[in-house]
N, C-alpha and C. Protein backbone atom coordinates (compact mmCIF):
# COMPACT_ATOMS: atom_id res chain seq x y z
N MET A 1 -2.07 -9.25 192.75
CA MET A 1 -1.33 -10.00 192.45
C MET A 1 -1.30 -10.53 191.16
N GLN A 2 -0.15 -11.25 190.96
CA GLN A 2 0.15 -11.41 189.08
C GLN A 2 0.51 -13.31 189.74
N GLU A 3 0.20 -14.30 188.84
CA GLU A 3 0.74 -15.52 188.71
C GLU A 3 1.68 -15.41 187.58
N ILE A 4 2.93 -15.92 187.70
CA ILE A 4 4.23 -15.79 187.29
C ILE A 4 4.63 -17.39 187.03
N ILE A 5 5.52 -17.23 185.69
CA ILE A 5 6.08 -18.34 185.41
C ILE A 5 7.31 -18.08 186.66
N THR A 6 7.42 -19.30 187.39
CA THR A 6 9.22 -18.98 188.00
C THR A 6 10.32 -18.28 187.14
N ALA A 7 10.17 -18.77 185.74
CA ALA A 7 11.59 -18.21 185.20
C ALA A 7 11.49 -16.67 184.98
N LEU A 8 10.25 -15.90 184.86
CA LEU A 8 10.12 -14.47 184.80
C LEU A 8 10.12 -13.76 186.43
N ALA A 9 10.58 -14.67 187.63
CA ALA A 9 10.71 -13.89 188.93
C ALA A 9 12.42 -13.33 189.19
N ALA A 10 12.10 -11.83 189.39
CA ALA A 10 13.09 -11.04 189.68
C ALA A 10 13.28 -10.60 191.41
N GLU A 11 14.61 -10.52 191.67
CA GLU A 11 15.16 -9.99 192.70
C GLU A 11 14.16 -9.17 193.40
N GLY A 12 13.49 -8.81 194.44
CA GLY A 12 12.88 -8.04 194.86
C GLY A 12 11.23 -8.28 195.11
N MET A 13 10.84 -8.94 194.22
CA MET A 13 9.39 -9.35 194.15
C MET A 13 8.86 -9.75 195.32
N ILE A 14 7.51 -9.76 195.81
CA ILE A 14 7.61 -10.28 197.17
C ILE A 14 5.98 -11.68 196.94
N LEU A 15 6.33 -12.00 197.58
CA LEU A 15 5.24 -13.70 197.11
C LEU A 15 3.72 -13.42 197.96
N ALA A 16 3.02 -13.11 196.73
CA ALA A 16 1.51 -13.30 197.08
C ALA A 16 0.88 -14.48 198.09
N ARG A 17 1.62 -15.32 197.86
CA ARG A 17 0.80 -16.60 198.32
C ARG A 17 2.23 -17.65 198.54
N ASP A 18 1.98 -18.51 199.76
CA ASP A 18 2.99 -19.38 199.91
C ASP A 18 3.17 -20.28 199.09
N VAL A 19 4.33 -20.95 198.89
CA VAL A 19 4.73 -21.78 197.83
C VAL A 19 5.22 -22.76 198.53
N LEU A 20 3.87 -23.92 198.00
CA LEU A 20 4.02 -25.16 198.63
C LEU A 20 4.71 -26.21 197.75
N THR A 21 5.45 -27.67 198.51
CA THR A 21 6.24 -28.25 197.88
C THR A 21 4.84 -29.64 197.42
N PRO A 22 5.27 -30.13 196.26
CA PRO A 22 4.61 -31.27 195.68
C PRO A 22 3.41 -31.70 197.11
N GLU A 23 4.12 -32.09 198.11
CA GLU A 23 3.72 -32.58 199.40
C GLU A 23 2.34 -31.63 200.07
N GLY A 24 2.78 -30.46 200.21
CA GLY A 24 2.21 -29.40 200.48
C GLY A 24 2.44 -28.76 201.48
N ARG A 25 3.63 -29.00 201.88
CA ARG A 25 4.16 -28.84 202.68
C ARG A 25 4.94 -26.91 202.71
N ILE A 26 4.76 -26.05 203.39
CA ILE A 26 5.15 -24.66 202.96
C ILE A 26 6.88 -24.41 202.52
N LEU A 27 7.19 -24.24 201.55
CA LEU A 27 8.58 -23.83 201.44
C LEU A 27 8.80 -22.49 201.39
N CYS A 28 8.08 -21.45 201.08
CA CYS A 28 8.47 -20.06 201.18
C CYS A 28 6.84 -19.60 201.48
N GLY A 29 7.10 -18.60 202.82
CA GLY A 29 5.53 -18.07 202.86
C GLY A 29 5.18 -16.72 202.28
N LYS A 30 4.06 -16.58 202.37
CA LYS A 30 3.31 -15.22 201.75
C LYS A 30 4.17 -13.98 202.33
N GLY A 31 4.39 -13.23 201.55
CA GLY A 31 5.39 -11.75 201.99
C GLY A 31 6.81 -11.73 201.84
N THR A 32 7.24 -12.93 201.40
CA THR A 32 8.82 -13.49 201.49
C THR A 32 9.39 -12.71 200.05
N GLU A 33 10.21 -11.65 200.32
CA GLU A 33 11.11 -11.00 198.96
C GLU A 33 12.01 -11.87 198.61
N LEU A 34 11.62 -12.57 196.77
CA LEU A 34 12.58 -13.15 196.69
C LEU A 34 14.20 -12.46 196.08
N SER A 35 15.21 -13.24 196.56
CA SER A 35 16.43 -13.15 196.18
C SER A 35 17.01 -14.27 195.28
N SER A 36 17.75 -13.57 194.52
CA SER A 36 18.27 -14.64 193.32
C SER A 36 18.62 -15.90 193.84
N GLY A 37 19.60 -16.08 195.32
CA GLY A 37 19.51 -17.58 195.29
C GLY A 37 18.44 -18.01 195.73
N LEU A 38 16.91 -17.73 196.17
CA LEU A 38 15.74 -18.34 196.69
C LEU A 38 15.00 -18.56 195.05
N ILE A 39 15.16 -17.63 194.04
CA ILE A 39 14.53 -18.02 193.17
C ILE A 39 15.50 -19.31 192.03
N GLU A 40 16.46 -19.04 192.16
CA GLU A 40 17.50 -20.51 191.92
C GLU A 40 16.84 -21.60 192.26
N ARG A 41 16.73 -21.55 193.82
CA ARG A 41 16.18 -22.97 194.75
C ARG A 41 14.73 -22.95 194.08
N LEU A 42 13.74 -22.29 193.53
CA LEU A 42 12.56 -22.81 193.39
C LEU A 42 12.84 -23.32 191.89
N LYS A 43 13.58 -22.75 191.23
CA LYS A 43 13.32 -23.24 189.94
C LYS A 43 14.43 -24.78 189.83
N ARG A 44 15.16 -25.46 190.59
CA ARG A 44 15.88 -26.49 190.89
C ARG A 44 14.74 -27.41 191.51
N MET A 45 14.02 -26.68 192.19
CA MET A 45 12.80 -27.59 192.97
C MET A 45 11.64 -27.63 191.77
N GLU A 46 11.76 -27.23 190.50
CA GLU A 46 10.77 -27.42 189.85
C GLU A 46 9.61 -27.09 189.85
N ILE A 47 9.53 -25.96 190.79
CA ILE A 47 8.49 -24.61 190.98
C ILE A 47 8.17 -24.22 189.94
N SER A 48 7.23 -24.34 189.13
CA SER A 48 6.73 -23.84 187.77
C SER A 48 6.35 -22.31 187.91
N HIS A 49 5.31 -22.32 188.74
CA HIS A 49 4.47 -21.06 189.25
C HIS A 49 4.79 -20.51 190.12
N ILE A 50 4.83 -19.07 190.35
CA ILE A 50 4.72 -18.23 191.83
C ILE A 50 3.64 -17.01 191.55
N ALA A 51 3.05 -16.67 192.75
CA ALA A 51 2.38 -15.68 193.03
C ALA A 51 2.58 -14.44 193.32
N VAL A 52 3.27 -13.47 192.45
CA VAL A 52 3.83 -12.25 193.66
C VAL A 52 2.97 -11.23 193.39
N GLU A 53 3.13 -10.30 194.80
CA GLU A 53 2.02 -9.50 195.24
C GLU A 53 2.56 -8.02 193.99
N GLY A 54 0.81 -6.98 193.36
CA GLY A 54 1.38 -6.24 192.26
C GLY A 54 1.13 -7.25 191.10
N HIS A 55 1.74 -6.15 190.02
CA HIS A 55 1.51 -6.86 188.28
C HIS A 55 2.54 -6.23 187.67
N PRO A 56 3.81 -6.96 187.86
CA PRO A 56 5.49 -6.32 187.90
C PRO A 56 5.66 -7.20 186.63
N VAL A 57 5.01 -8.08 186.23
CA VAL A 57 5.52 -8.94 184.53
C VAL A 57 4.29 -8.32 183.74
N GLN A 58 4.56 -7.68 182.38
CA GLN A 58 3.92 -7.45 181.54
C GLN A 58 3.94 -8.41 180.14
N ILE A 59 2.77 -9.33 180.00
CA ILE A 59 2.95 -10.76 179.52
C ILE A 59 1.96 -10.62 177.94
N GLU A 60 2.59 -10.55 177.12
CA GLU A 60 2.59 -10.28 175.82
C GLU A 60 1.03 -10.96 175.30
N GLY A 61 0.27 -10.21 175.05
CA GLY A 61 -1.19 -10.28 174.71
C GLY A 61 -2.26 -10.09 175.75
N GLU A 62 -1.65 -9.67 177.40
CA GLU A 62 -2.82 -9.72 178.19
C GLU A 62 -3.27 -8.52 178.13
N LYS A 63 -4.51 -8.13 178.67
CA LYS A 63 -4.98 -6.85 178.45
C LYS A 63 -4.22 -5.93 179.49
N THR A 64 -4.82 -4.84 179.12
CA THR A 64 -4.39 -3.73 180.60
C THR A 64 -6.01 -3.49 181.35
N VAL A 65 -5.23 -2.83 182.24
CA VAL A 65 -6.33 -2.68 183.40
C VAL A 65 -7.59 -2.28 182.74
N GLU A 66 -7.53 -0.80 181.87
CA GLU A 66 -8.64 -0.40 181.43
C GLU A 66 -9.31 -1.20 179.77
N GLU A 67 -8.66 -1.98 179.39
CA GLU A 67 -9.40 -2.81 178.59
C GLU A 67 -10.33 -3.77 179.66
N GLN A 68 -9.66 -4.17 180.59
CA GLN A 68 -10.41 -4.84 181.70
C GLN A 68 -11.32 -4.52 182.21
N LEU A 69 -11.23 -3.37 182.33
CA LEU A 69 -12.38 -2.81 183.18
C LEU A 69 -13.53 -2.31 182.02
N GLN A 70 -13.29 -1.87 180.46
CA GLN A 70 -13.95 -1.99 179.99
C GLN A 70 -15.00 -2.90 179.54
N ASP A 71 -14.09 -4.00 179.22
CA ASP A 71 -14.50 -5.54 179.15
C ASP A 71 -15.98 -5.85 180.19
N ILE A 72 -15.79 -5.23 182.00
CA ILE A 72 -16.98 -5.63 182.47
C ILE A 72 -17.71 -4.24 182.39
N VAL A 73 -17.68 -3.23 181.97
CA VAL A 73 -18.45 -1.91 181.79
C VAL A 73 -19.56 -2.93 180.48
N GLU A 74 -18.98 -3.14 179.51
CA GLU A 74 -19.68 -4.10 178.27
C GLU A 74 -20.45 -5.11 179.18
N ARG A 75 -19.70 -6.06 179.85
CA ARG A 75 -20.78 -7.39 180.42
C ARG A 75 -21.93 -7.04 180.91
N PHE A 76 -21.71 -5.55 181.61
CA PHE A 76 -22.97 -5.28 182.10
C PHE A 76 -23.99 -4.31 181.65
N SER A 77 -24.04 -3.75 180.68
CA SER A 77 -24.53 -2.66 179.98
C SER A 77 -25.85 -3.36 179.70
N LYS A 78 -26.33 -4.25 179.54
CA LYS A 78 -27.86 -4.82 179.59
C LYS A 78 -28.64 -4.86 180.98
N VAL A 79 -27.99 -4.97 181.94
CA VAL A 79 -28.65 -4.94 183.38
C VAL A 79 -28.33 -3.86 183.92
N GLU A 80 -28.66 -2.62 183.62
CA GLU A 80 -28.12 -1.34 184.55
C GLU A 80 -29.31 -1.35 185.39
N ASP A 81 -30.13 -1.86 185.07
CA ASP A 81 -31.67 -1.37 185.91
C ASP A 81 -31.86 -2.70 186.93
N ILE A 82 -30.59 -3.54 187.06
CA ILE A 82 -30.86 -4.62 188.31
C ILE A 82 -29.80 -4.10 189.33
N PRO A 83 -29.94 -3.68 190.32
CA PRO A 83 -28.98 -3.17 192.00
C PRO A 83 -28.19 -4.08 191.78
N PRO A 84 -28.69 -5.52 192.34
CA PRO A 84 -27.72 -6.21 192.49
C PRO A 84 -26.64 -6.77 191.71
N LEU A 85 -26.86 -6.68 190.44
CA LEU A 85 -25.81 -6.74 189.56
C LEU A 85 -24.97 -5.88 189.02
N MET A 86 -25.39 -4.25 189.61
CA MET A 86 -24.88 -3.29 189.67
C MET A 86 -23.65 -3.17 190.94
N TYR A 87 -24.38 -3.99 191.80
CA TYR A 87 -23.29 -3.68 192.92
C TYR A 87 -22.11 -5.13 192.33
N LEU A 88 -22.47 -5.98 192.16
CA LEU A 88 -21.40 -7.09 191.82
C LEU A 88 -20.38 -6.18 190.14
N LYS A 89 -21.00 -5.32 190.05
CA LYS A 89 -19.94 -4.87 188.86
C LYS A 89 -19.16 -4.23 189.51
N LYS A 90 -19.79 -3.34 190.73
CA LYS A 90 -18.70 -2.29 191.06
C LYS A 90 -17.65 -2.91 191.86
N ARG A 91 -17.98 -4.00 192.64
CA ARG A 91 -17.15 -4.71 193.38
C ARG A 91 -16.07 -5.21 192.54
N LEU A 92 -16.39 -6.19 191.35
CA LEU A 92 -15.45 -6.58 190.35
C LEU A 92 -14.50 -5.59 190.05
N MET A 93 -14.87 -4.54 189.61
CA MET A 93 -14.02 -3.17 189.51
C MET A 93 -13.24 -2.77 190.27
N GLU A 94 -13.51 -2.51 191.52
CA GLU A 94 -12.66 -2.34 192.87
C GLU A 94 -11.73 -3.42 192.87
N ARG A 95 -12.50 -4.67 192.80
CA ARG A 95 -11.27 -5.69 193.00
C ARG A 95 -10.20 -5.79 192.04
N LEU A 96 -10.40 -5.72 191.00
CA LEU A 96 -9.64 -5.41 189.45
C LEU A 96 -8.25 -4.36 189.99
N LEU A 97 -9.02 -3.05 190.39
CA LEU A 97 -7.76 -2.42 190.69
C LEU A 97 -7.42 -2.32 191.82
N MET A 98 -7.56 -3.13 193.07
CA MET A 98 -7.03 -3.75 193.97
C MET A 98 -6.00 -4.59 193.85
N SER A 99 -6.41 -5.28 192.58
CA SER A 99 -5.32 -6.22 192.65
C SER A 99 -3.88 -5.97 191.95
N ARG A 100 -4.51 -5.17 191.07
CA ARG A 100 -3.51 -4.52 190.40
C ARG A 100 -2.62 -3.47 191.33
N SER A 101 -3.03 -2.76 192.65
CA SER A 101 -1.95 -1.94 192.74
C SER A 101 -1.40 -2.43 194.10
N LYS A 102 -1.45 -3.90 194.23
CA LYS A 102 -1.00 -4.05 195.68
C LYS A 102 0.57 -4.11 194.93
């Protein structure tokens, strides 16, 4: 899942979360495929950000998956003898990979 500004939305992207109005009502449900008309409607309604499935937009300065995995390895390097923390490290890495593959 990736949070993007609505201006970067493109036809065919799939919403990863419901899009809500400022009052909290569901405007578009999770799983909705974006069309050009829907994107324009979201822009007119001043919906600034949406969450889409996968990671379809490369943002300048954003770390790659490999760089993010390496950051996790480095952060846990001093606690490799503590099993609960190694379990947490494994789950973080799995979650990162799963979030990028959807």
